[in-house]
């Protein structure tokens, strides 16, 4: 029996078609999904999921968003003690390098395929359920 259904992934993506496609893939793979479309919502959601018993295991973070961008979200998360791994997503290779330096544990260059997405999640969803 897979424990994937007990794991929650936060998707932070400002493009609805991309966010929806990722969410569909993850739900089909058995994950619970929380979708937000900007950095401010991401930071609020990260604050909420710091509570004991949270099943948040990973953040899929778009770097290029209007307003609060992915780098500001990474900085906010670092201020919270970086309690959840982040996989940064971008079409720009330089941005992905900068995201690693800012605390992302992995990166996905857009466009990516489903196999790359699932592999990144399986490798980095380190939340241990008791």
Protein backbone atom coordinates (compact mmCIF):
# COMPACT_ATOMS: atom_id res chain seq x y z
CA UNK A 1 0.00 0.00 0.00
CA UNK A 2 1.40 3.38 -1.00
CA UNK A 3 1.62 6.19 1.53
CA UNK A 4 1.37 8.76 -1.27
CA UNK A 5 -2.28 9.44 -0.44
CA UNK A 6 -1.14 10.70 2.97
CA UNK A 7 1.27 13.20 1.44
CA UNK A 8 0.29 16.73 0.43
CA UNK A 9 2.04 18.73 -2.26
CA UNK A 10 1.71 22.49 -2.57
CA UNK A 11 1.69 23.68 -6.19
CA UNK A 12 2.61 27.34 -6.63
CA UNK A 13 2.02 28.23 -10.28
CA UNK A 14 0.44 31.38 -11.75
CA UNK A 15 -0.56 29.79 -15.10
CA UNK A 16 -3.91 27.96 -14.64
CA UNK A 17 -3.39 25.39 -17.45
CA UNK A 18 0.03 24.38 -16.06
CA UNK A 19 -1.20 24.34 -12.45
CA UNK A 20 -4.23 22.24 -13.39
CA UNK A 21 -2.20 19.75 -15.42
CA UNK A 22 0.31 19.25 -12.60
CA UNK A 23 -2.49 18.88 -10.05
CA UNK A 24 -4.26 16.27 -12.19
CA UNK A 25 -1.07 14.21 -12.54
CA UNK A 26 -0.37 14.35 -8.81
CA UNK A 27 -3.91 13.47 -7.80
CA UNK A 28 -3.82 10.53 -10.23
CA UNK A 29 -0.58 9.42 -8.55
CA UNK A 30 -2.36 9.43 -5.17
CA UNK A 31 -1.15 12.71 -3.65
CA UNK A 32 -3.27 15.31 -1.94
CA UNK A 33 -2.79 18.67 -3.63
CA UNK A 34 -3.09 22.28 -2.52
CA UNK A 35 -3.06 24.77 -5.40
CA UNK A 36 -2.16 28.44 -5.13
CA UNK A 37 -1.44 30.90 -7.93
CA UNK A 38 0.85 33.50 -6.37
CA UNK A 39 3.69 33.91 -3.94
CA UNK A 40 1.65 35.65 -1.25
CA UNK A 41 -0.79 32.71 -1.12
CA UNK A 42 2.17 30.33 -1.03
CA UNK A 43 3.67 32.04 2.00
CA UNK A 44 0.32 32.00 3.83
CA UNK A 45 -0.17 28.32 3.01
CA UNK A 46 3.36 27.49 4.21
CA UNK A 47 2.65 29.30 7.47
CA UNK A 48 -0.60 27.32 7.93
CA UNK A 49 1.06 23.97 7.20
CA UNK A 50 3.72 24.39 9.87
CA UNK A 51 1.19 23.02 12.35
CA UNK A 52 1.94 19.67 13.97
CA UNK A 53 0.43 16.81 12.02
CA UNK A 54 0.70 18.53 8.65
CA UNK A 55 1.26 16.13 5.78
CA UNK A 56 2.87 18.74 3.51
CA UNK A 57 5.82 16.92 1.99
CA UNK A 58 6.88 19.10 -0.92
CA UNK A 59 6.43 22.45 -2.65
CA UNK A 60 6.47 22.70 -6.46
CA UNK A 61 7.40 26.34 -6.90
CA UNK A 62 7.25 28.41 -10.07
CA UNK A 63 9.99 31.02 -9.88
CA UNK A 64 8.59 33.61 -12.25
CA UNK A 65 5.32 35.04 -10.93
CA UNK A 66 4.04 38.61 -10.79
CA UNK A 67 4.24 40.32 -7.42
CA UNK A 68 5.80 37.96 -4.90
CA UNK A 69 8.02 35.65 -6.93
CA UNK A 70 9.41 32.20 -6.16
CA UNK A 71 12.66 33.60 -4.76
CA UNK A 72 10.72 35.58 -2.17
CA UNK A 73 8.84 32.40 -1.25
CA UNK A 74 12.16 30.55 -0.84
CA UNK A 75 13.41 33.38 1.40
CA UNK A 76 10.21 33.22 3.48
CA UNK A 77 10.55 29.46 3.83
CA UNK A 78 14.17 29.83 4.95
CA UNK A 79 12.88 32.15 7.67
CA UNK A 80 10.56 29.37 8.81
CA UNK A 81 13.45 26.94 9.08
CA UNK A 82 12.99 25.42 5.59
CA UNK A 83 10.77 22.68 7.03
CA UNK A 84 9.63 21.33 3.65
CA UNK A 85 11.63 20.57 0.48
CA UNK A 86 11.11 22.75 -2.60
CA UNK A 87 11.34 21.74 -6.25
CA UNK A 88 11.71 24.95 -8.25
CA UNK A 89 10.25 25.17 -11.76
CA UNK A 90 11.28 27.58 -14.51
CA UNK A 91 11.95 27.81 -18.22
CA UNK A 92 15.12 29.78 -17.45
CA UNK A 93 18.24 27.74 -16.58
CA UNK A 94 19.90 30.66 -14.76
CA UNK A 95 16.86 30.99 -12.53
CA UNK A 96 17.08 27.33 -11.61
CA UNK A 97 20.74 27.72 -10.63
CA UNK A 98 19.82 30.72 -8.48
CA UNK A 99 16.95 28.75 -6.92
CA UNK A 100 19.36 26.00 -5.81
CA UNK A 101 21.55 28.67 -4.21
CA UNK A 102 18.45 30.08 -2.47
CA UNK A 103 17.48 26.73 -0.93
CA UNK A 104 15.56 24.68 -3.50
CA UNK A 105 16.46 21.00 -3.16
CA UNK A 106 15.77 20.24 -6.82
CA UNK A 107 14.74 21.90 -10.05
CA UNK A 108 12.60 21.15 -13.08
CA UNK A 109 13.15 23.00 -16.35
CA UNK A 110 9.89 23.81 -18.13
CA UNK A 111 8.58 22.19 -20.14
CA UNK A 112 9.06 18.91 -18.29
CA UNK A 113 7.34 15.59 -18.75
CA UNK A 114 5.28 13.58 -16.30
CA UNK A 115 8.09 11.11 -15.61
CA UNK A 116 10.48 13.94 -14.64
CA UNK A 117 7.84 15.43 -12.36
CA UNK A 118 7.07 12.15 -10.57
CA UNK A 119 10.77 11.29 -10.22
CA UNK A 120 11.50 14.68 -8.63
CA UNK A 121 8.62 14.26 -6.20
CA UNK A 122 9.51 10.70 -5.23
CA UNK A 123 13.12 11.68 -4.66
CA UNK A 124 12.40 14.81 -2.63
CA UNK A 125 9.14 14.19 -0.78
CA UNK A 126 10.99 13.45 2.43
CA UNK A 127 8.13 13.91 4.90
CA UNK A 128 8.08 10.91 7.18
CA UNK A 129 4.64 9.91 8.42
CA UNK A 130 4.34 8.33 11.81
